[in-house]
Amino acid sequence: MLYSEIKEILQRLRRNMIPSKRILWEELRNKRLAGKKFYRQHPIFYDSMNNDHFFFVADFYCAQSKLVIELDGWSIHEFQKEKDYHRDLILKEKGLRVLHIKNEELNDINRIKKKIMEYL
């Protein structure tokens, strides 16, 4: 995929964030959590060949702490467990840690913030 196509995808994802991602983004944006800079819908590139770039889109990413946060709540994750497993393996091979949070956990946002702080 070309960079211009990737940029379009990311812009569309950022404009159309689901409510649970918006809730967490409000807690993470502008260095609100532990003074750490987080990005939303951030591309993590894992391979390139010529002008083709292969990547994953992290829901949230803190480069300073090498932390990827994924919100899992959509039923799609039930049907792609193997794909998610391989994705996590590739991210770990890149030296990144992955924290999965279920949408239901956002009911206690303070607990989630503490959980993220443990990873930071």
N, C-alpha and C. Protein backbone atom coordinates (compact mmCIF):
# COMPACT_ATOMS: atom_id res chain seq x y z
N MET A 1 0.85 -1.17 0.00
CA MET A 1 0.00 0.00 0.00
C MET A 1 0.90 1.24 0.00
N LEU A 2 0.51 2.24 -0.72
CA LEU A 2 1.28 3.48 -0.81
C LEU A 2 1.03 4.35 0.41
N TYR A 3 2.00 5.22 0.72
CA TYR A 3 1.85 6.13 1.86
C TYR A 3 0.60 6.99 1.75
N SER A 4 0.29 7.45 0.55
CA SER A 4 -0.90 8.30 0.39
C SER A 4 -2.17 7.53 0.73
N GLU A 5 -2.22 6.26 0.40
CA GLU A 5 -3.38 5.44 0.73
C GLU A 5 -3.46 5.19 2.23
N ILE A 6 -2.30 4.97 2.83
CA ILE A 6 -2.25 4.75 4.28
C ILE A 6 -2.74 6.00 5.01
N LYS A 7 -2.29 7.16 4.55
CA LYS A 7 -2.69 8.42 5.17
C LYS A 7 -4.20 8.60 5.11
N GLU A 8 -4.81 8.26 3.98
CA GLU A 8 -6.27 8.36 3.84
C GLU A 8 -6.98 7.45 4.83
N ILE A 9 -6.50 6.23 4.95
CA ILE A 9 -7.10 5.28 5.88
C ILE A 9 -7.04 5.81 7.30
N LEU A 10 -5.88 6.31 7.69
CA LEU A 10 -5.70 6.83 9.06
C LEU A 10 -6.60 8.02 9.33
N GLN A 11 -6.71 8.92 8.37
CA GLN A 11 -7.59 10.09 8.54
C GLN A 11 -9.03 9.66 8.70
N ARG A 12 -9.45 8.67 7.91
CA ARG A 12 -10.83 8.19 8.00
C ARG A 12 -11.08 7.54 9.37
N LEU A 13 -10.12 6.75 9.84
CA LEU A 13 -10.27 6.11 11.15
C LEU A 13 -10.34 7.14 12.27
N ARG A 14 -9.53 8.17 12.19
CA ARG A 14 -9.53 9.20 13.23
C ARG A 14 -10.82 10.00 13.24
N ARG A 15 -11.35 10.27 12.06
CA ARG A 15 -12.62 11.02 11.98
C ARG A 15 -13.80 10.21 12.48
N ASN A 16 -13.73 8.90 12.32
CA ASN A 16 -14.87 8.03 12.63
C ASN A 16 -14.59 7.10 13.80
N MET A 17 -13.97 7.62 14.83
CA MET A 17 -13.65 6.78 16.00
C MET A 17 -14.93 6.31 16.68
N ILE A 18 -14.91 5.06 17.11
CA ILE A 18 -16.05 4.54 17.85
C ILE A 18 -16.07 5.16 19.25
N PRO A 19 -17.24 5.20 19.89
CA PRO A 19 -17.36 5.87 21.19
C PRO A 19 -16.37 5.40 22.24
N SER A 20 -16.10 4.10 22.32
CA SER A 20 -15.17 3.62 23.36
C SER A 20 -13.76 4.16 23.12
N LYS A 21 -13.35 4.27 21.88
CA LYS A 21 -12.03 4.83 21.58
C LYS A 21 -11.98 6.31 21.91
N ARG A 22 -13.08 7.00 21.70
CA ARG A 22 -13.13 8.43 22.06
C ARG A 22 -12.99 8.62 23.56
N ILE A 23 -13.63 7.75 24.32
CA ILE A 23 -13.55 7.85 25.78
C ILE A 23 -12.11 7.72 26.23
N LEU A 24 -11.42 6.70 25.73
CA LEU A 24 -10.03 6.49 26.14
C LEU A 24 -9.13 7.60 25.59
N TRP A 25 -9.40 8.06 24.38
CA TRP A 25 -8.58 9.12 23.79
C TRP A 25 -8.64 10.39 24.64
N GLU A 26 -9.78 10.70 25.20
CA GLU A 26 -9.90 11.88 26.05
C GLU A 26 -8.99 11.79 27.27
N GLU A 27 -8.72 10.59 27.73
CA GLU A 27 -7.85 10.39 28.88
C GLU A 27 -6.37 10.40 28.51
N LEU A 28 -6.06 10.07 27.25
CA LEU A 28 -4.68 9.93 26.82
C LEU A 28 -4.12 11.16 26.09
N ARG A 29 -4.98 11.91 25.45
CA ARG A 29 -4.52 12.99 24.58
C ARG A 29 -3.86 14.12 25.36
N ASN A 30 -3.06 14.89 24.64
CA ASN A 30 -2.38 16.06 25.22
C ASN A 30 -1.54 15.72 26.45
N LYS A 31 -0.95 14.55 26.46
CA LYS A 31 -0.07 14.10 27.56
C LYS A 31 -0.78 14.11 28.92
N ARG A 32 -2.08 13.80 28.91
CA ARG A 32 -2.85 13.83 30.15
C ARG A 32 -2.52 12.69 31.10
N LEU A 33 -2.01 11.59 30.58
CA LEU A 33 -1.69 10.46 31.43
C LEU A 33 -0.18 10.36 31.61
N ALA A 34 0.28 10.65 32.79
CA ALA A 34 1.70 10.54 33.17
C ALA A 34 2.62 11.38 32.28
N GLY A 35 2.08 12.38 31.63
CA GLY A 35 2.89 13.25 30.78
C GLY A 35 3.41 12.56 29.53
N LYS A 36 2.83 11.42 29.18
CA LYS A 36 3.27 10.65 28.01
C LYS A 36 2.48 11.04 26.77
N LYS A 37 3.18 11.12 25.66
CA LYS A 37 2.57 11.45 24.37
C LYS A 37 2.00 10.18 23.75
N PHE A 38 0.72 10.18 23.48
CA PHE A 38 0.05 9.07 22.81
C PHE A 38 -0.44 9.53 21.44
N TYR A 39 -0.43 8.61 20.51
CA TYR A 39 -0.99 8.83 19.18
C TYR A 39 -2.19 7.92 19.04
N ARG A 40 -3.17 8.35 18.28
CA ARG A 40 -4.33 7.50 18.04
C ARG A 40 -4.31 7.04 16.60
N GLN A 41 -4.82 5.86 16.38
CA GLN A 41 -4.88 5.27 15.03
C GLN A 41 -3.53 5.47 14.34
N HIS A 42 -2.49 4.95 14.97
CA HIS A 42 -1.12 5.16 14.51
C HIS A 42 -0.61 3.95 13.73
N PRO A 43 0.03 4.19 12.58
CA PRO A 43 0.54 3.05 11.80
C PRO A 43 1.84 2.51 12.40
N ILE A 44 1.93 1.20 12.47
CA ILE A 44 3.15 0.52 12.88
C ILE A 44 3.58 -0.31 11.67
N PHE A 45 4.65 0.11 11.01
CA PHE A 45 5.13 -0.56 9.81
C PHE A 45 5.99 -1.75 10.19
N TYR A 46 5.76 -2.87 9.51
CA TYR A 46 6.56 -4.06 9.80
C TYR A 46 7.27 -4.62 8.59
N ASP A 47 6.98 -4.11 7.39
CA ASP A 47 7.68 -4.58 6.20
C ASP A 47 7.42 -3.60 5.06
N SER A 48 8.36 -3.56 4.13
CA SER A 48 8.21 -2.74 2.92
C SER A 48 8.90 -3.45 1.77
N MET A 49 8.28 -3.38 0.63
CA MET A 49 8.88 -3.89 -0.60
C MET A 49 8.54 -2.91 -1.70
N ASN A 50 9.58 -2.31 -2.26
CA ASN A 50 9.42 -1.26 -3.26
C ASN A 50 8.57 -0.14 -2.68
N ASN A 51 7.43 0.12 -3.26
CA ASN A 51 6.54 1.18 -2.76
C ASN A 51 5.37 0.60 -1.96
N ASP A 52 5.44 -0.68 -1.68
CA ASP A 52 4.39 -1.33 -0.91
C ASP A 52 4.81 -1.40 0.55
N HIS A 53 3.96 -0.90 1.43
CA HIS A 53 4.25 -0.85 2.85
C HIS A 53 3.21 -1.68 3.60
N PHE A 54 3.68 -2.49 4.51
CA PHE A 54 2.81 -3.35 5.29
C PHE A 54 2.82 -2.85 6.73
N PHE A 55 1.64 -2.73 7.29
CA PHE A 55 1.52 -2.08 8.59
C PHE A 55 0.28 -2.55 9.33
N PHE A 56 0.28 -2.26 10.62
CA PHE A 56 -0.90 -2.42 11.47
C PHE A 56 -1.27 -1.04 11.96
N VAL A 57 -2.53 -0.85 12.25
CA VAL A 57 -2.96 0.41 12.84
C VAL A 57 -3.23 0.16 14.32
N ALA A 58 -2.39 0.77 15.15
CA ALA A 58 -2.57 0.66 16.60
C ALA A 58 -3.66 1.64 17.01
N ASP A 59 -4.56 1.19 17.88
CA ASP A 59 -5.59 2.11 18.37
C ASP A 59 -4.93 3.30 19.04
N PHE A 60 -3.97 3.01 19.94
CA PHE A 60 -3.21 4.06 20.62
C PHE A 60 -1.77 3.59 20.74
N TYR A 61 -0.85 4.54 20.65
CA TYR A 61 0.57 4.19 20.67
C TYR A 61 1.37 5.25 21.41
N CYS A 62 2.22 4.80 22.33
CA CYS A 62 3.15 5.67 23.04
C CYS A 62 4.55 5.23 22.65
N ALA A 63 5.20 6.02 21.80
CA ALA A 63 6.54 5.67 21.31
C ALA A 63 7.55 5.67 22.44
N GLN A 64 7.45 6.62 23.34
CA GLN A 64 8.39 6.74 24.45
C GLN A 64 8.44 5.47 25.30
N SER A 65 7.29 4.85 25.51
CA SER A 65 7.21 3.65 26.33
C SER A 65 7.09 2.38 25.49
N LYS A 66 7.09 2.53 24.18
CA LYS A 66 6.95 1.39 23.25
C LYS A 66 5.72 0.56 23.60
N LEU A 67 4.62 1.27 23.81
CA LEU A 67 3.37 0.62 24.23
C LEU A 67 2.28 0.83 23.19
N VAL A 68 1.67 -0.28 22.80
CA VAL A 68 0.51 -0.27 21.92
C VAL A 68 -0.69 -0.64 22.78
N ILE A 69 -1.76 0.15 22.69
CA ILE A 69 -2.99 -0.16 23.41
C ILE A 69 -4.06 -0.48 22.37
N GLU A 70 -4.66 -1.64 22.54
CA GLU A 70 -5.72 -2.08 21.64
C GLU A 70 -7.01 -2.23 22.43
N LEU A 71 -8.07 -1.63 21.91
CA LEU A 71 -9.39 -1.82 22.50
C LEU A 71 -10.06 -2.97 21.77
N ASP A 72 -10.45 -3.97 22.53
CA ASP A 72 -11.10 -5.15 21.97
C ASP A 72 -12.52 -5.21 22.50
N GLY A 73 -13.45 -5.10 21.63
CA GLY A 73 -14.81 -5.18 22.10
C GLY A 73 -15.76 -5.54 20.99
N TRP A 74 -15.34 -5.24 19.82
CA TRP A 74 -16.18 -5.58 18.68
C TRP A 74 -16.14 -7.08 18.47
N SER A 75 -17.24 -7.62 18.02
CA SER A 75 -17.32 -9.07 17.83
C SER A 75 -16.32 -9.56 16.78
N ILE A 76 -15.77 -8.66 15.99
CA ILE A 76 -14.80 -9.04 14.98
C ILE A 76 -13.61 -9.75 15.61
N HIS A 77 -13.23 -9.35 16.82
CA HIS A 77 -12.08 -9.97 17.48
C HIS A 77 -12.34 -11.44 17.81
N GLU A 78 -13.60 -11.82 17.99
CA GLU A 78 -13.92 -13.22 18.24
C GLU A 78 -13.64 -14.08 17.02
N PHE A 79 -13.73 -13.47 15.84
CA PHE A 79 -13.56 -14.23 14.61
C PHE A 79 -12.15 -14.14 14.04
N GLN A 80 -11.29 -13.34 14.64
CA GLN A 80 -9.94 -13.18 14.10
C GLN A 80 -8.88 -13.34 15.18
N LYS A 81 -9.12 -14.24 16.10
CA LYS A 81 -8.18 -14.45 17.20
C LYS A 81 -6.80 -14.83 16.71
N GLU A 82 -6.72 -15.70 15.70
CA GLU A 82 -5.42 -16.12 15.19
C GLU A 82 -4.69 -14.95 14.53
N LYS A 83 -5.42 -14.16 13.79
CA LYS A 83 -4.82 -12.98 13.15
C LYS A 83 -4.31 -12.00 14.21
N ASP A 84 -5.09 -11.77 15.27
CA ASP A 84 -4.68 -10.89 16.36
C ASP A 84 -3.43 -11.44 17.06
N TYR A 85 -3.39 -12.75 17.24
CA TYR A 85 -2.24 -13.39 17.88
C TYR A 85 -0.97 -13.14 17.07
N HIS A 86 -1.04 -13.33 15.76
CA HIS A 86 0.13 -13.12 14.91
C HIS A 86 0.53 -11.64 14.87
N ARG A 87 -0.45 -10.78 14.89
CA ARG A 87 -0.19 -9.34 14.94
C ARG A 87 0.59 -9.00 16.21
N ASP A 88 0.15 -9.53 17.34
CA ASP A 88 0.83 -9.27 18.61
C ASP A 88 2.26 -9.81 18.58
N LEU A 89 2.46 -10.96 17.96
CA LEU A 89 3.81 -11.53 17.85
C LEU A 89 4.74 -10.61 17.06
N ILE A 90 4.25 -10.09 15.94
CA ILE A 90 5.05 -9.19 15.12
C ILE A 90 5.38 -7.92 15.88
N LEU A 91 4.39 -7.39 16.60
CA LEU A 91 4.63 -6.17 17.38
C LEU A 91 5.66 -6.43 18.47
N LYS A 92 5.56 -7.58 19.12
CA LYS A 92 6.52 -7.92 20.17
C LYS A 92 7.92 -8.10 19.59
N GLU A 93 8.01 -8.67 18.39
CA GLU A 93 9.31 -8.82 17.73
C GLU A 93 9.93 -7.45 17.42
N LYS A 94 9.10 -6.43 17.27
CA LYS A 94 9.57 -5.07 17.02
C LYS A 94 9.92 -4.36 18.33
N GLY A 95 9.81 -5.08 19.45
CA GLY A 95 10.16 -4.51 20.74
C GLY A 95 9.03 -3.73 21.39
N LEU A 96 7.81 -3.93 20.91
CA LEU A 96 6.66 -3.21 21.46
C LEU A 96 5.88 -4.12 22.41
N ARG A 97 5.30 -3.49 23.42
CA ARG A 97 4.40 -4.22 24.32
C ARG A 97 2.98 -3.89 23.91
N VAL A 98 2.11 -4.88 24.06
CA VAL A 98 0.71 -4.70 23.65
C VAL A 98 -0.19 -4.90 24.86
N LEU A 99 -1.02 -3.92 25.12
CA LEU A 99 -2.01 -3.98 26.19
C LEU A 99 -3.39 -4.03 25.55
N HIS A 100 -4.11 -5.12 25.82
CA HIS A 100 -5.48 -5.26 25.32
C HIS A 100 -6.45 -4.84 26.41
N ILE A 101 -7.40 -4.01 26.04
CA ILE A 101 -8.43 -3.56 26.97
C ILE A 101 -9.78 -3.85 26.33
N LYS A 102 -10.64 -4.48 27.08
CA LYS A 102 -12.00 -4.75 26.57
C LYS A 102 -12.85 -3.49 26.75
N ASN A 103 -13.72 -3.26 25.79
CA ASN A 103 -14.58 -2.08 25.85
C ASN A 103 -15.34 -1.98 27.17
N GLU A 104 -15.77 -3.13 27.69
CA GLU A 104 -16.55 -3.13 28.93
C GLU A 104 -15.73 -2.59 30.10
N GLU A 105 -14.41 -2.73 30.04
CA GLU A 105 -13.56 -2.26 31.12
C GLU A 105 -13.58 -0.74 31.23
N LEU A 106 -13.97 -0.06 30.18
CA LEU A 106 -13.97 1.41 30.20
C LEU A 106 -15.03 1.98 31.14
N ASN A 107 -15.90 1.11 31.65
CA ASN A 107 -16.88 1.57 32.64
C ASN A 107 -16.20 2.09 33.89
N ASP A 108 -14.99 1.59 34.16
CA ASP A 108 -14.20 2.06 35.30
C ASP A 108 -12.91 2.66 34.75
N ILE A 109 -13.01 3.88 34.27
CA ILE A 109 -11.89 4.52 33.57
C ILE A 109 -10.68 4.71 34.49
N ASN A 110 -10.91 4.91 35.78
CA ASN A 110 -9.79 5.07 36.72
C ASN A 110 -8.99 3.77 36.82
N ARG A 111 -9.68 2.66 36.82
CA ARG A 111 -9.01 1.36 36.86
C ARG A 111 -8.18 1.17 35.59
N ILE A 112 -8.72 1.56 34.46
CA ILE A 112 -8.01 1.44 33.18
C ILE A 112 -6.77 2.33 33.17
N LYS A 113 -6.91 3.54 33.68
CA LYS A 113 -5.75 4.44 33.73
C LYS A 113 -4.64 3.85 34.60
N LYS A 114 -5.01 3.23 35.72
CA LYS A 114 -4.02 2.58 36.58
C LYS A 114 -3.35 1.42 35.85
N LYS A 115 -4.14 0.67 35.12
CA LYS A 115 -3.62 -0.47 34.36
C LYS A 115 -2.60 0.02 33.30
N ILE A 116 -2.94 1.09 32.62
CA ILE A 116 -2.02 1.65 31.61
C ILE A 116 -0.75 2.16 32.29
N MET A 117 -0.91 2.81 33.44
CA MET A 117 0.25 3.33 34.18
C MET A 117 1.21 2.19 34.53
N GLU A 118 0.71 1.03 34.86
CA GLU A 118 1.56 -0.11 35.17
C GLU A 118 2.41 -0.49 33.96
N TYR A 119 1.86 -0.34 32.78
CA TYR A 119 2.59 -0.68 31.55
C TYR A 119 3.59 0.41 31.16
N LEU A 120 3.28 1.65 31.54
CA LEU A 120 4.18 2.74 31.20
C LEU A 120 5.44 2.67 32.02
